[in-house]
Amino acid sequence: MSYSPFRHTISIFRKRSPIQLTFFITGRCNATCPFCFYLSDRDLSSGNRPELSLDEIRRISSSMGRLLWLAFSGGEIFLREDIVEIAEVFYKNNRPSIILFPTNGLMTEVIRKKIEAVLKCCGKSTITVKLSLEGTEDIHDSIRGKGSFHRTMKTYDSLSGLLDIYPNFELGINTVFCSANQDNMDDVIEFVKGLDRIRTHTVSLIRGTVADPGLKEVDIGKYRRTIDKLAANLRNKASGIYRFKGGKIKAAQDILQRRMIHETFVQNRALVPCYAGRLNLVLTESGDVYPCESFTMKLGNVRDNGYDIEEILKNRENRNIINSIRDNGCFCTHECYMMTNILFNPRVYPKLLKEYMQL
């Protein structure tokens, strides 16, 4: 059966079931990053609520349809000892085209072992690992803790060898743009450009409620200069793109997405309709279901609804919540949601094509 991302083109015209799932598989973490919106919210990441078991996850997965994008999140996702089995459940039941594994990269041996196991059992999906890197050594360690830079680079070295063995493996870097590193973005971009096994470098604008609110006091002009540099590097082939089919489209979408995030921030309004709840869904480690990562519109908990996502979405009150996102022009600067809002909105295609033709 096909795992191609292009089998989801019908969702351009019919947005009736989620094709992108963000699954916060654990609230546990081995770091205390000051910009983490998930761990900063005690109501979301409370340690006294039991995590969904593998059997529960299997039931949830069976209630869902085919996925384009499965993004694990947390917490540090590799603290779940059964992460390989979780990935395999979704691989078999939902056939995701892409499975994303974001990580702080601190547990080199565990990450290498688990990712190679995933690559072996999920051979038709693109398996993408995104290592967090907030700057060169001094900046990164000042944000994420002393010694974390070297540990993340060790993980990069360890994972790099898998690129030569598994053609479905992608290795990337993500940087959170915040006030602590906004003056050093040129340095981190140049550093990542020198990592020859990195296929993509993304920069995410800080969002949500965070432990240190001062980190959100960003200079949006510096963010614009950062995203312009990333775009220029892609256009002049100084930076790589994903190897999977459609990787060039994804690169064009990344350029357009970052520009639209900038404009959304500046204009403080919706530029495109949001498909949260229709194409996107969020599941927490304790079973709460949300249309998006604003975590303000809870749709229910799978444990109270027979582990049936479809039944939760059919609920009349929940349909009204999801429709209100569209009708009220809800908007944010979250990259994952902007991605879907671009790729499945034909009105944006002329701009997307323009970026594609420059790559």
Protein backbone atom coordinates (compact mmCIF):
# COMPACT_ATOMS: atom_id res chain seq x y z
CA MET A 1 0.00 0.00 0.00
CA SER A 2 1.14 3.53 -0.80
CA TYR A 3 2.82 5.78 1.74
CA SER A 4 3.22 8.61 -0.79
CA PRO A 5 2.40 12.13 0.40
CA PHE A 6 0.61 12.76 -2.89
CA ARG A 7 -2.23 10.35 -2.00
CA HIS A 8 -3.59 13.11 0.23
CA THR A 9 -4.35 15.53 -2.62
CA ILE A 10 -8.07 14.86 -2.10
CA SER A 11 -7.75 16.84 1.16
CA ILE A 12 -7.19 19.97 -0.91
CA PHE A 13 -10.90 19.81 -1.73
CA ARG A 14 -12.37 17.74 1.13
CA LYS A 15 -11.16 18.63 4.61
CA ARG A 16 -13.13 16.13 6.63
CA SER A 17 -10.57 14.09 8.57
CA PRO A 18 -7.18 14.86 10.12
CA ILE A 19 -4.11 13.93 8.09
CA GLN A 20 -1.63 15.55 10.46
CA LEU A 21 -1.33 14.37 14.06
CA THR A 22 0.90 15.94 16.69
CA PHE A 23 1.23 13.45 19.53
CA PHE A 24 2.80 14.61 22.79
CA ILE A 25 3.85 11.15 23.90
CA THR A 26 5.33 12.24 27.23
CA GLY A 27 5.52 15.23 29.52
CA ARG A 28 8.80 13.99 30.98
CA CYS A 29 12.00 15.73 30.01
CA ASN A 30 15.71 15.63 30.82
CA ALA A 31 16.09 19.38 30.24
CA THR A 32 14.49 22.58 31.52
CA CYS A 33 14.53 24.85 28.49
CA PRO A 34 13.07 28.27 29.40
CA PHE A 35 11.12 28.62 26.13
CA CYS A 36 9.26 25.30 26.29
CA PHE A 37 5.56 26.17 26.17
CA TYR A 38 4.47 22.61 26.94
CA LEU A 39 6.42 21.99 30.13
CA SER A 40 5.79 25.57 31.30
CA ASP A 41 2.06 24.81 31.51
CA ARG A 42 1.53 22.60 34.54
CA ASP A 43 -2.04 21.80 33.48
CA LEU A 44 -0.74 20.28 30.25
CA SER A 45 2.33 18.41 31.47
CA SER A 46 1.29 17.29 34.94
CA GLY A 47 3.38 14.30 35.96
CA ASN A 48 0.60 12.72 38.06
CA ARG A 49 -1.52 11.76 35.04
CA PRO A 50 -0.64 8.36 33.59
CA GLU A 51 0.70 8.33 30.06
CA LEU A 52 -1.26 6.48 27.42
CA SER A 53 -0.16 2.85 27.29
CA LEU A 54 0.85 1.10 24.11
CA ASP A 55 -2.46 -0.79 24.08
CA GLU A 56 -4.37 2.46 24.44
CA ILE A 57 -2.34 4.04 21.64
CA ARG A 58 -3.09 1.05 19.44
CA ARG A 59 -6.83 1.60 19.93
CA ILE A 60 -6.52 5.31 19.18
CA SER A 61 -4.52 4.66 16.04
CA SER A 62 -7.08 2.13 14.82
CA SER A 63 -9.79 4.80 15.04
CA MET A 64 -7.96 7.14 12.66
CA GLY A 65 -7.45 7.20 8.91
CA ARG A 66 -4.35 7.59 6.77
CA LEU A 67 -1.85 10.24 7.87
CA LEU A 68 0.39 12.52 5.87
CA TRP A 69 2.40 13.77 8.84
CA LEU A 70 2.87 12.22 12.26
CA ALA A 71 4.85 14.46 14.62
CA PHE A 72 5.88 13.13 18.00
CA SER A 73 6.42 15.76 20.68
CA GLY A 74 6.89 16.25 24.41
CA GLY A 75 8.83 16.39 26.74
CA GLU A 76 11.80 14.50 25.43
CA ILE A 77 10.26 11.82 23.27
CA PHE A 78 13.10 9.33 23.67
CA LEU A 79 12.31 9.00 27.37
CA ARG A 80 9.46 6.75 26.24
CA GLU A 81 11.03 3.33 26.16
CA ASP A 82 8.32 2.08 23.81
CA ILE A 83 8.74 4.82 21.19
CA VAL A 84 9.71 2.29 18.52
CA GLU A 85 6.57 0.25 19.17
CA ILE A 86 4.43 3.42 19.13
CA ALA A 87 5.87 4.41 15.75
CA GLU A 88 5.26 0.92 14.39
CA VAL A 89 1.61 1.00 15.50
CA PHE A 90 0.96 4.19 13.52
CA TYR A 91 3.06 2.95 10.61
CA LYS A 92 0.93 -0.15 10.19
CA ASN A 93 -2.46 1.39 10.91
CA ASN A 94 -2.20 4.90 9.47
CA ARG A 95 0.64 4.72 6.93
CA PRO A 96 2.12 8.17 7.61
CA SER A 97 4.17 9.57 4.77
CA ILE A 98 6.45 11.36 7.21
CA ILE A 99 7.17 10.65 10.88
CA LEU A 100 8.92 13.44 12.77
CA PHE A 101 11.14 12.82 15.81
CA PRO A 102 12.22 16.13 17.42
CA THR A 103 14.80 15.75 20.18
CA ASN A 104 17.22 17.72 22.32
CA GLY A 105 19.83 15.13 21.34
CA LEU A 106 21.14 14.54 24.86
CA MET A 107 20.81 10.73 24.87
CA THR A 108 23.03 9.74 21.98
CA GLU A 109 23.10 5.97 22.41
CA VAL A 110 19.36 5.68 23.07
CA ILE A 111 18.45 7.91 20.14
CA ARG A 112 20.73 6.08 17.71
CA LYS A 113 19.42 2.67 18.77
CA LYS A 114 15.75 3.66 18.69
CA ILE A 115 15.92 5.51 15.37
CA GLU A 116 17.68 2.64 13.63
CA ALA A 117 14.98 0.30 14.93
CA VAL A 118 12.30 2.65 13.59
CA LEU A 119 14.03 2.84 10.22
CA LYS A 120 13.99 -0.95 10.01
CA CYS A 121 10.32 -1.39 10.87
CA CYS A 122 8.92 1.71 9.11
CA GLY A 123 10.73 1.45 5.80
CA LYS A 124 8.10 3.10 3.59
CA SER A 125 7.73 6.24 5.70
CA THR A 126 10.20 9.10 5.67
CA ILE A 127 11.76 9.16 9.13
CA THR A 128 12.92 12.65 10.08
CA VAL A 129 14.97 13.50 13.17
CA LYS A 130 15.21 17.18 14.10
CA LEU A 131 17.97 18.03 16.56
CA SER A 132 17.48 21.17 18.64
CA LEU A 133 20.31 23.68 18.27
CA GLU A 134 19.86 27.22 19.57
CA GLY A 135 23.23 28.62 18.55
CA THR A 136 26.92 27.94 18.60
CA GLU A 137 28.30 26.42 21.79
CA ASP A 138 28.17 29.39 24.19
CA ILE A 139 24.67 30.48 23.16
CA HIS A 140 23.27 26.97 23.02
CA ASP A 141 24.63 26.02 26.43
CA SER A 142 23.44 29.27 27.99
CA ILE A 143 19.89 28.35 26.93
CA ARG A 144 19.85 24.56 27.22
CA GLY A 145 22.49 23.88 29.87
CA LYS A 146 26.24 23.45 30.06
CA GLY A 147 27.59 20.59 27.96
CA SER A 148 24.39 20.17 25.93
CA PHE A 149 25.99 21.47 22.72
CA HIS A 150 28.66 18.76 22.68
CA ARG A 151 26.12 16.06 23.50
CA THR A 152 23.84 17.17 20.66
CA MET A 153 26.77 17.25 18.24
CA LYS A 154 27.71 13.74 19.37
CA THR A 155 24.20 12.63 18.47
CA TYR A 156 24.53 14.35 15.09
CA ASP A 157 27.75 12.41 14.41
CA SER A 158 26.14 9.15 15.53
CA LEU A 159 23.02 9.56 13.39
CA SER A 160 24.89 10.77 10.29
CA GLY A 161 26.01 7.29 9.37
CA LEU A 162 22.42 6.11 9.06
CA LEU A 163 21.93 8.39 6.04
CA ASP A 164 24.15 6.11 3.97
CA ILE A 165 22.24 3.00 5.00
CA TYR A 166 18.59 4.08 4.99
CA PRO A 167 17.31 6.15 2.04
CA ASN A 168 14.15 7.02 3.98
CA PHE A 169 16.11 8.80 6.72
CA GLU A 170 16.31 12.59 6.98
CA LEU A 171 18.38 14.54 9.50
CA GLY A 172 17.71 18.18 10.29
CA ILE A 173 18.23 20.99 12.77
CA ASN A 174 15.62 23.22 14.39
CA THR A 175 16.38 26.50 16.13
CA VAL A 176 13.90 28.39 18.30
CA PHE A 177 14.15 32.11 17.52
CA CYS A 178 13.98 34.06 20.79
CA SER A 179 15.49 37.15 22.40
CA ALA A 180 18.41 35.12 23.77
CA ASN A 181 19.76 34.12 20.36
CA GLN A 182 18.30 36.65 17.91
CA ASP A 183 21.60 38.53 17.68
CA ASN A 184 23.52 35.37 16.85
CA MET A 185 21.36 33.82 14.16
CA ASP A 186 23.92 34.43 11.41
CA ASP A 187 26.43 32.38 13.39
CA VAL A 188 24.14 29.38 13.89
CA ILE A 189 22.99 29.45 10.26
CA GLU A 190 26.59 29.39 9.07
CA PHE A 191 27.47 26.66 11.55
CA VAL A 192 24.60 24.43 10.44
CA LYS A 193 25.44 25.09 6.80
CA GLY A 194 28.82 23.53 7.54
CA LEU A 195 27.25 20.29 8.82
CA ASP A 196 27.32 18.34 5.57
CA ARG A 197 24.86 15.63 6.67
CA ILE A 198 22.08 18.05 7.63
CA ARG A 199 19.37 18.16 5.00
CA THR A 200 17.28 21.01 6.40
CA HIS A 201 17.54 23.81 8.94
CA THR A 202 14.30 25.26 10.27
CA VAL A 203 13.85 28.25 12.57
CA SER A 204 10.74 28.36 14.75
CA LEU A 205 9.48 31.63 16.19
CA ILE A 206 9.02 31.32 19.97
CA ARG A 207 5.35 30.92 20.94
CA GLY A 208 3.00 30.07 23.78
CA THR A 209 3.31 30.59 27.53
CA VAL A 210 6.93 30.12 28.54
CA ALA A 211 8.86 30.08 31.82
CA ASP A 212 10.83 33.20 30.89
CA PRO A 213 8.48 35.73 29.21
CA GLY A 214 11.45 37.91 28.34
CA LEU A 215 12.46 35.39 25.71
CA LYS A 216 9.38 36.42 23.71
CA GLU A 217 10.53 40.02 23.45
CA VAL A 218 11.93 39.48 19.97
CA ASP A 219 12.89 42.02 17.33
CA ILE A 220 10.68 40.94 14.42
CA GLY A 221 13.01 42.75 12.01
CA LYS A 222 15.81 40.40 13.06
CA TYR A 223 13.51 37.44 12.50
CA ARG A 224 12.81 38.73 8.98
CA ARG A 225 16.53 39.02 8.24
CA THR A 226 17.02 35.48 9.52
CA ILE A 227 14.33 33.95 7.33
CA ASP A 228 15.56 35.92 4.32
CA LYS A 229 19.00 34.40 4.80
CA LEU A 230 17.56 30.89 5.07
CA ALA A 231 15.60 31.49 1.86
CA ALA A 232 18.67 32.80 0.04
CA ASN A 233 20.68 29.76 1.10
CA LEU A 234 18.02 27.46 -0.32
CA ARG A 235 17.79 29.37 -3.59
CA ASN A 236 21.54 29.42 -4.20
CA LYS A 237 21.91 25.75 -3.18
CA ALA A 238 24.06 26.64 -0.16
CA SER A 239 21.65 24.65 2.00
CA GLY A 240 20.23 21.21 1.33
CA ILE A 241 16.64 20.04 0.98
CA TYR A 242 14.91 16.83 1.95
CA ARG A 243 15.68 13.75 -0.17
CA PHE A 244 12.11 12.41 -0.28
CA LYS A 245 9.80 12.89 -3.27
CA GLY A 246 8.25 16.29 -2.85
CA GLY A 247 11.24 17.61 -0.93
CA LYS A 248 11.56 20.59 -3.25
CA ILE A 249 7.90 21.47 -2.68
CA LYS A 250 8.54 21.28 1.05
CA ALA A 251 11.51 23.64 0.72
CA ALA A 252 9.39 26.14 -1.22
CA GLN A 253 6.66 25.83 1.38
CA ASP A 254 9.20 26.48 4.17
CA ILE A 255 10.25 29.75 2.54
CA LEU A 256 6.67 30.90 2.03
CA GLN A 257 5.63 29.70 5.48
CA ARG A 258 8.27 31.70 7.32
CA ARG A 259 7.37 34.83 5.37
CA MET A 260 3.69 34.36 6.20
CA ILE A 261 4.53 33.82 9.87
CA HIS A 262 6.40 37.12 9.82
CA GLU A 263 3.44 38.89 8.23
CA THR A 264 0.99 37.25 10.63
CA PHE A 265 3.07 38.51 13.56
CA VAL A 266 3.34 42.02 12.12
CA GLN A 267 -0.29 42.37 11.04
CA ASN A 268 -1.72 40.36 13.96
CA ARG A 269 -4.42 38.79 11.84
CA ALA A 270 -5.19 35.67 9.84
CA LEU A 271 -3.70 35.66 6.34
CA VAL A 272 -5.09 32.25 5.36
CA PRO A 273 -7.84 30.01 6.76
CA CYS A 274 -6.75 27.62 9.51
CA TYR A 275 -7.51 23.93 9.08
CA ALA A 276 -6.99 22.96 12.74
CA GLY A 277 -9.46 20.26 13.69
CA ARG A 278 -10.22 19.51 10.08
CA LEU A 279 -6.78 18.47 8.84
CA ASN A 280 -4.73 18.84 12.03
CA LEU A 281 -5.16 17.30 15.45
CA VAL A 282 -3.24 17.24 18.74
CA LEU A 283 -3.16 14.38 21.24
CA THR A 284 -1.49 14.66 24.66
CA GLU A 285 0.23 11.90 26.60
CA SER A 286 -2.78 11.62 28.92
CA GLY A 287 -5.32 11.39 26.09
CA ASP A 288 -6.64 14.93 25.77
CA VAL A 289 -7.58 15.92 22.23
CA TYR A 290 -7.27 19.44 20.82
CA PRO A 291 -7.58 20.90 17.34
CA CYS A 292 -4.25 22.70 17.77
CA GLU A 293 -1.42 23.54 20.14
CA SER A 294 -3.11 26.61 21.57
CA PHE A 295 -4.60 24.10 24.05
CA THR A 296 -7.62 26.38 24.60
CA MET A 297 -10.25 24.29 22.86
CA LYS A 298 -10.30 20.84 24.41
CA LEU A 299 -12.44 18.40 22.44
CA GLY A 300 -12.41 15.64 25.05
CA ASN A 301 -10.29 12.77 26.26
CA VAL A 302 -9.92 9.48 24.44
CA ARG A 303 -10.25 7.55 27.69
CA ASP A 304 -13.78 8.92 28.07
CA ASN A 305 -14.72 8.22 24.45
CA GLY A 306 -13.75 4.61 23.79
CA TYR A 307 -10.38 5.69 22.37
CA ASP A 308 -12.27 6.72 19.23
CA ILE A 309 -10.97 9.91 17.61
CA GLU A 310 -13.68 9.83 14.95
CA GLU A 311 -16.43 9.79 17.59
CA ILE A 312 -14.86 12.77 19.35
CA LEU A 313 -14.79 14.74 16.12
CA LYS A 314 -18.41 13.84 15.31
CA ASN A 315 -19.66 15.38 18.54
CA ARG A 316 -21.90 18.34 17.70
CA GLU A 317 -20.32 20.64 20.26
CA ASN A 318 -16.87 19.77 18.95
CA ARG A 319 -17.97 20.38 15.37
CA ASN A 320 -19.06 23.85 16.47
CA ILE A 321 -15.63 24.44 18.05
CA ILE A 322 -13.84 23.35 14.90
CA ASN A 323 -16.11 25.46 12.68
CA SER A 324 -15.48 28.48 14.91
CA ILE A 325 -11.77 28.29 14.08
CA ARG A 326 -12.64 28.88 10.45
CA ASP A 327 -15.53 31.29 10.99
CA ASN A 328 -13.72 33.51 13.52
CA GLY A 329 -10.47 33.72 11.54
CA CYS A 330 -8.35 32.06 14.21
CA PHE A 331 -4.62 32.48 13.61
CA CYS A 332 -1.19 31.86 15.13
CA THR A 333 2.48 31.62 14.13
CA HIS A 334 2.86 27.85 14.61
CA GLU A 335 4.93 26.43 11.77
CA CYS A 336 3.28 22.99 11.61
CA TYR A 337 -0.18 24.45 11.18
CA MET A 338 0.93 27.08 8.72
CA MET A 339 2.41 24.22 6.68
CA THR A 340 -0.97 22.53 6.28
CA ASN A 341 -2.71 25.86 5.69
CA ILE A 342 -0.37 26.47 2.75
CA LEU A 343 -0.13 23.01 1.18
CA PHE A 344 -3.89 22.46 1.15
CA ASN A 345 -5.04 25.93 0.12
CA PRO A 346 -5.15 26.40 -3.69
CA ARG A 347 -5.30 30.18 -3.32
CA VAL A 348 -1.71 30.11 -2.05
CA TYR A 349 -0.42 27.95 -4.91
CA PRO A 350 0.71 30.84 -7.17
CA LYS A 351 3.03 32.08 -4.41
CA LEU A 352 4.15 28.53 -3.68
CA LEU A 353 4.90 27.93 -7.36
CA LYS A 354 6.92 31.14 -7.53
CA GLU A 355 9.15 29.95 -4.69
CA TYR A 356 9.39 26.46 -6.19
CA MET A 357 10.62 27.83 -9.52
CA GLN A 358 13.46 29.71 -7.79
CA LEU A 359 14.89 26.55 -6.21
